[in-house]
PDB file of all heavy atoms in Angstrom:
ATOM      1  N   SER A   1     -14.332  15.792  14.528  1.00  0.00           N
ATOM      2  CA  SER A   1     -14.769  14.988  13.388  1.00  0.00           C
ATOM      3  C   SER A   1     -15.642  15.779  12.418  1.00  0.00           C
ATOM      4  O   SER A   1     -15.581  15.586  11.202  1.00  0.00           O
ATOM      5  CB  SER A   1     -15.515  13.734  13.868  1.00  0.00           C
ATOM      6  OG  SER A   1     -16.622  14.091  14.671  1.00  0.00           O
ATOM      7  N   THR A   2     -16.443  16.700  12.972  1.00  0.00           N
ATOM      8  CA  THR A   2     -17.283  17.533  12.105  1.00  0.00           C
ATOM      9  C   THR A   2     -16.436  18.447  11.240  1.00  0.00           C
ATOM     10  O   THR A   2     -16.672  18.601  10.034  1.00  0.00           O
ATOM     11  CB  THR A   2     -18.258  18.376  12.953  1.00  0.00           C
ATOM     12  OG1 THR A   2     -19.086  17.513  13.730  1.00  0.00           O
ATOM     13  CG2 THR A   2     -19.128  19.244  12.063  1.00  0.00           C
ATOM     14  N   LEU A   3     -15.401  19.043  11.860  1.00  0.00           N
ATOM     15  CA  LEU A   3     -14.504  19.922  11.111  1.00  0.00           C
ATOM     16  C   LEU A   3     -13.709  19.130  10.073  1.00  0.00           C
ATOM     17  O   LEU A   3     -13.497  19.612   8.951  1.00  0.00           O
ATOM     18  CB  LEU A   3     -13.564  20.645  12.067  1.00  0.00           C
ATOM     19  CG  LEU A   3     -12.595  21.648  11.457  1.00  0.00           C
ATOM     20  CD1 LEU A   3     -13.337  22.716  10.664  1.00  0.00           C
ATOM     21  CD2 LEU A   3     -11.729  22.291  12.538  1.00  0.00           C
ATOM     22  N   LEU A   4     -13.277  17.933  10.447  1.00  0.00           N
ATOM     23  CA  LEU A   4     -12.593  17.070   9.478  1.00  0.00           C
ATOM     24  C   LEU A   4     -13.438  16.891   8.234  1.00  0.00           C
ATOM     25  O   LEU A   4     -12.966  17.046   7.101  1.00  0.00           O
ATOM     26  CB  LEU A   4     -12.297  15.703  10.097  1.00  0.00           C
ATOM     27  CG  LEU A   4     -11.044  15.510  10.933  1.00  0.00           C
ATOM     28  CD1 LEU A   4     -11.040  14.111  11.541  1.00  0.00           C
ATOM     29  CD2 LEU A   4      -9.791  15.721  10.104  1.00  0.00           C
ATOM     30  N   SER A   5     -14.698  16.559   8.447  1.00  0.00           N
ATOM     31  CA  SER A   5     -15.608  16.323   7.323  1.00  0.00           C
ATOM     32  C   SER A   5     -15.853  17.598   6.529  1.00  0.00           C
ATOM     33  O   SER A   5     -15.853  17.582   5.287  1.00  0.00           O
ATOM     34  CB  SER A   5     -16.933  15.769   7.854  1.00  0.00           C
ATOM     35  OG  SER A   5     -17.853  15.574   6.809  1.00  0.00           O
ATOM     36  N   GLN A   6     -16.043  18.718   7.226  1.00  0.00           N
ATOM     37  CA  GLN A   6     -16.297  19.991   6.541  1.00  0.00           C
ATOM     38  C   GLN A   6     -15.146  20.379   5.625  1.00  0.00           C
ATOM     39  O   GLN A   6     -15.356  20.937   4.542  1.00  0.00           O
ATOM     40  CB  GLN A   6     -16.542  21.086   7.569  1.00  0.00           C
ATOM     41  CG  GLN A   6     -17.869  20.984   8.296  1.00  0.00           C
ATOM     42  CD  GLN A   6     -18.013  22.031   9.388  1.00  0.00           C
ATOM     43  OE1 GLN A   6     -17.037  22.700   9.758  1.00  0.00           O
ATOM     44  NE2 GLN A   6     -19.218  22.193   9.921  1.00  0.00           N
ATOM     45  N   LEU A   7     -13.927  20.080   6.057  1.00  0.00           N
ATOM     46  CA  LEU A   7     -12.754  20.458   5.270  1.00  0.00           C
ATOM     47  C   LEU A   7     -12.372  19.402   4.237  1.00  0.00           C
ATOM     48  O   LEU A   7     -11.458  19.618   3.441  1.00  0.00           O
ATOM     49  CB  LEU A   7     -11.570  20.731   6.202  1.00  0.00           C
ATOM     50  CG  LEU A   7     -11.712  21.937   7.127  1.00  0.00           C
ATOM     51  CD1 LEU A   7     -10.486  22.079   8.032  1.00  0.00           C
ATOM     52  CD2 LEU A   7     -11.923  23.221   6.338  1.00  0.00           C
ATOM     53  N   GLY A   8     -13.051  18.270   4.278  1.00  0.00           N
ATOM     54  CA  GLY A   8     -12.800  17.238   3.271  1.00  0.00           C
ATOM     55  C   GLY A   8     -11.722  16.242   3.640  1.00  0.00           C
ATOM     56  O   GLY A   8     -11.218  15.528   2.774  1.00  0.00           O
ATOM     57  N   PHE A   9     -11.370  16.164   4.929  1.00  0.00           N
ATOM     58  CA  PHE A   9     -10.391  15.185   5.393  1.00  0.00           C
ATOM     59  C   PHE A   9     -11.104  13.911   5.849  1.00  0.00           C
ATOM     60  O   PHE A   9     -12.294  13.937   6.186  1.00  0.00           O
ATOM     61  CB  PHE A   9      -9.571  15.729   6.563  1.00  0.00           C
ATOM     62  CG  PHE A   9      -8.645  16.854   6.215  1.00  0.00           C
ATOM     63  CD1 PHE A   9      -8.817  18.115   6.770  1.00  0.00           C
ATOM     64  CD2 PHE A   9      -7.591  16.658   5.331  1.00  0.00           C
ATOM     65  CE1 PHE A   9      -7.957  19.154   6.467  1.00  0.00           C
ATOM     66  CE2 PHE A   9      -6.728  17.692   5.014  1.00  0.00           C
ATOM     67  CZ  PHE A   9      -6.912  18.944   5.582  1.00  0.00           C
ATOM     68  N   SER A  10     -10.362  12.818   5.886  1.00  0.00           N
ATOM     69  CA  SER A  10     -10.880  11.575   6.444  1.00  0.00           C
ATOM     70  C   SER A  10     -10.187  11.306   7.773  1.00  0.00           C
ATOM     71  O   SER A  10      -9.153  11.904   8.086  1.00  0.00           O
ATOM     72  CB  SER A  10     -10.643  10.410   5.491  1.00  0.00           C
ATOM     73  OG  SER A  10      -9.274  10.039   5.476  1.00  0.00           O
ATOM     74  N   GLU A  11     -10.748  10.392   8.550  1.00  0.00           N
ATOM     75  CA  GLU A  11     -10.199  10.062   9.866  1.00  0.00           C
ATOM     76  C   GLU A  11      -8.797   9.455   9.761  1.00  0.00           C
ATOM     77  O   GLU A  11      -8.012   9.504  10.713  1.00  0.00           O
ATOM     78  CB  GLU A  11     -11.136   9.090  10.592  1.00  0.00           C
ATOM     79  CG  GLU A  11     -12.520   9.637  10.876  1.00  0.00           C
ATOM     80  CD  GLU A  11     -12.561  10.605  12.038  1.00  0.00           C
ATOM     81  OE1 GLU A  11     -11.535  10.724  12.745  1.00  0.00           O
ATOM     82  OE2 GLU A  11     -13.606  11.258  12.230  1.00  0.00           O
ATOM     83  N   THR A  12      -8.471   8.865   8.612  1.00  0.00           N
ATOM     84  CA  THR A  12      -7.179   8.186   8.457  1.00  0.00           C
ATOM     85  C   THR A  12      -6.100   9.074   7.851  1.00  0.00           C
ATOM     86  O   THR A  12      -4.956   8.649   7.722  1.00  0.00           O
ATOM     87  CB  THR A  12      -7.348   6.939   7.580  1.00  0.00           C
ATOM     88  OG1 THR A  12      -7.884   7.325   6.301  1.00  0.00           O
ATOM     89  CG2 THR A  12      -8.280   5.925   8.239  1.00  0.00           C
ATOM     90  N   ASP A  13      -6.448  10.298   7.489  1.00  0.00           N
ATOM     91  CA  ASP A  13      -5.464  11.208   6.896  1.00  0.00           C
ATOM     92  C   ASP A  13      -4.432  11.649   7.938  1.00  0.00           C
ATOM     93  O   ASP A  13      -4.764  11.879   9.096  1.00  0.00           O
ATOM     94  CB  ASP A  13      -6.143  12.444   6.313  1.00  0.00           C
ATOM     95  CG  ASP A  13      -6.845  12.172   5.002  1.00  0.00           C
ATOM     96  OD1 ASP A  13      -6.461  11.218   4.315  1.00  0.00           O
ATOM     97  OD2 ASP A  13      -7.796  12.918   4.677  1.00  0.00           O
ATOM     98  N   MET A  14      -3.199  11.746   7.502  1.00  0.00           N
ATOM     99  CA  MET A  14      -2.133  12.359   8.308  1.00  0.00           C
ATOM    100  C   MET A  14      -2.048  13.821   7.866  1.00  0.00           C
ATOM    101  O   MET A  14      -1.637  14.117   6.734  1.00  0.00           O
ATOM    102  CB  MET A  14      -0.808  11.652   8.061  1.00  0.00           C
ATOM    103  CG  MET A  14       0.409  12.287   8.702  1.00  0.00           C
ATOM    104  SD  MET A  14       0.447  12.234  10.502  1.00  0.00           S
ATOM    105  CE  MET A  14       0.398  10.464  10.795  1.00  0.00           C
ATOM    106  N   ILE A  15      -2.451  14.739   8.730  1.00  0.00           N
ATOM    107  CA  ILE A  15      -2.590  16.145   8.348  1.00  0.00           C
ATOM    108  C   ILE A  15      -1.371  16.940   8.792  1.00  0.00           C
ATOM    109  O   ILE A  15      -1.006  16.957   9.969  1.00  0.00           O
ATOM    110  CB  ILE A  15      -3.867  16.748   8.959  1.00  0.00           C
ATOM    111  CG1 ILE A  15      -5.093  15.969   8.473  1.00  0.00           C
ATOM    112  CG2 ILE A  15      -3.990  18.228   8.598  1.00  0.00           C
ATOM    113  CD1 ILE A  15      -6.392  16.404   9.126  1.00  0.00           C
ATOM    114  N   VAL A  16      -0.750  17.608   7.819  1.00  0.00           N
ATOM    115  CA  VAL A  16       0.409  18.466   8.065  1.00  0.00           C
ATOM    116  C   VAL A  16      -0.011  19.901   7.776  1.00  0.00           C
ATOM    117  O   VAL A  16      -0.466  20.208   6.674  1.00  0.00           O
ATOM    118  CB  VAL A  16       1.603  18.073   7.172  1.00  0.00           C
ATOM    119  CG1 VAL A  16       2.801  18.967   7.460  1.00  0.00           C
ATOM    120  CG2 VAL A  16       1.960  16.601   7.369  1.00  0.00           C
ATOM    121  N   SER A  17       0.130  20.777   8.768  1.00  0.00           N
ATOM    122  CA  SER A  17      -0.386  22.141   8.651  1.00  0.00           C
ATOM    123  C   SER A  17       0.723  23.177   8.691  1.00  0.00           C
ATOM    124  O   SER A  17       1.679  23.060   9.459  1.00  0.00           O
ATOM    125  CB  SER A  17      -1.382  22.410   9.782  1.00  0.00           C
ATOM    126  OG  SER A  17      -1.857  23.750   9.734  1.00  0.00           O
ATOM    127  N   TYR A  18       0.547  24.212   7.862  1.00  0.00           N
ATOM    128  CA  TYR A  18       1.442  25.370   7.884  1.00  0.00           C
ATOM    129  C   TYR A  18       0.632  26.615   8.232  1.00  0.00           C
ATOM    130  O   TYR A  18      -0.105  27.147   7.398  1.00  0.00           O
ATOM    131  CB  TYR A  18       2.119  25.551   6.526  1.00  0.00           C
ATOM    132  CG  TYR A  18       2.887  26.867   6.389  1.00  0.00           C
ATOM    133  CD1 TYR A  18       3.868  27.225   7.303  1.00  0.00           C
ATOM    134  CD2 TYR A  18       2.621  27.749   5.339  1.00  0.00           C
ATOM    135  CE1 TYR A  18       4.563  28.416   7.192  1.00  0.00           C
ATOM    136  CE2 TYR A  18       3.320  28.946   5.205  1.00  0.00           C
ATOM    137  CZ  TYR A  18       4.282  29.275   6.135  1.00  0.00           C
ATOM    138  OH  TYR A  18       4.974  30.455   6.031  1.00  0.00           O
ATOM    139  N   PRO A  19       0.726  27.116   9.464  1.00  0.00           N
ATOM    140  CA  PRO A  19      -0.017  28.314   9.883  1.00  0.00           C
ATOM    141  C   PRO A  19       0.798  29.580   9.664  1.00  0.00           C
ATOM    142  O   PRO A  19       1.072  30.335  10.599  1.00  0.00           O
ATOM    143  CB  PRO A  19      -0.263  28.049  11.378  1.00  0.00           C
ATOM    144  CG  PRO A  19       0.951  27.266  11.798  1.00  0.00           C
ATOM    145  CD  PRO A  19       1.398  26.467  10.598  1.00  0.00           C
ATOM    146  N   GLY A  20       1.199  29.804   8.424  1.00  0.00           N
ATOM    147  CA  GLY A  20       2.058  30.949   8.127  1.00  0.00           C
ATOM    148  C   GLY A  20       1.405  31.947   7.200  1.00  0.00           C
ATOM    149  O   GLY A  20       0.259  32.341   7.397  1.00  0.00           O
ATOM    150  N   GLU A  21       2.137  32.375   6.182  1.00  0.00           N
ATOM    151  CA  GLU A  21       1.628  33.344   5.221  1.00  0.00           C
ATOM    152  C   GLU A  21       1.957  32.888   3.808  1.00  0.00           C
ATOM    153  O   GLU A  21       2.939  32.182   3.584  1.00  0.00           O
ATOM    154  CB  GLU A  21       2.215  34.728   5.476  1.00  0.00           C
ATOM    155  CG  GLU A  21       1.840  35.304   6.833  1.00  0.00           C
ATOM    156  CD  GLU A  21       2.208  36.780   6.956  1.00  0.00           C
ATOM    157  OE1 GLU A  21       2.263  37.471   5.909  1.00  0.00           O
ATOM    158  OE2 GLU A  21       2.429  37.234   8.086  1.00  0.00           O
ATOM    159  N   PHE A  22       1.155  33.324   2.849  1.00  0.00           N
ATOM    160  CA  PHE A  22       1.354  32.909   1.472  1.00  0.00           C
ATOM    161  C   PHE A  22       2.631  33.482   0.862  1.00  0.00           C
ATOM    162  O   PHE A  22       3.388  32.757   0.216  1.00  0.00           O
ATOM    163  CB  PHE A  22       0.155  33.339   0.609  1.00  0.00           C
ATOM    164  CG  PHE A  22      -1.029  32.423   0.711  1.00  0.00           C
ATOM    165  CD1 PHE A  22      -2.150  32.791   1.429  1.00  0.00           C
ATOM    166  CD2 PHE A  22      -1.018  31.182   0.091  1.00  0.00           C
ATOM    167  CE1 PHE A  22      -3.242  31.952   1.523  1.00  0.00           C
ATOM    168  CE2 PHE A  22      -2.095  30.332   0.184  1.00  0.00           C
ATOM    169  CZ  PHE A  22      -3.217  30.716   0.902  1.00  0.00           C
ATOM    170  N   VAL A  23       2.863  34.781   1.050  1.00  0.00           N
ATOM    171  CA  VAL A  23       3.974  35.441   0.365  1.00  0.00           C
ATOM    172  C   VAL A  23       5.141  35.724   1.298  1.00  0.00           C
ATOM    173  O   VAL A  23       6.289  35.384   1.006  1.00  0.00           O
ATOM    174  CB  VAL A  23       3.498  36.741  -0.314  1.00  0.00           C
ATOM    175  CG1 VAL A  23       4.677  37.492  -0.909  1.00  0.00           C
ATOM    176  CG2 VAL A  23       2.473  36.413  -1.401  1.00  0.00           C
ATOM    177  N   ARG A  24       4.846  36.356   2.437  1.00  0.00           N
ATOM    178  CA  ARG A  24       5.925  36.647   3.378  1.00  0.00           C
ATOM    179  C   ARG A  24       6.431  35.356   4.012  1.00  0.00           C
ATOM    180  O   ARG A  24       5.793  34.324   3.952  1.00  0.00           O
ATOM    181  CB  ARG A  24       5.431  37.605   4.458  1.00  0.00           C
ATOM    182  CG  ARG A  24       5.063  38.977   3.914  1.00  0.00           C
ATOM    183  CD  ARG A  24       4.483  39.861   4.994  1.00  0.00           C
ATOM    184  NE  ARG A  24       5.483  40.299   5.951  1.00  0.00           N
ATOM    185  CZ  ARG A  24       5.217  41.121   6.964  1.00  0.00           C
ATOM    186  NH1 ARG A  24       3.998  41.584   7.147  1.00  0.00           N
ATOM    187  NH2 ARG A  24       6.171  41.488   7.804  1.00  0.00           N
TER     188      ARG A  24
END
C-alpha cells in the first residue's frame, strides 16, 4: 500500500505492467 501511494496509484486501480525496454 505504501508503494501504491508513492507511485500515485489507488487501491481500486487495475494495474497493467510491462517490464521490458523502451526501444528494444
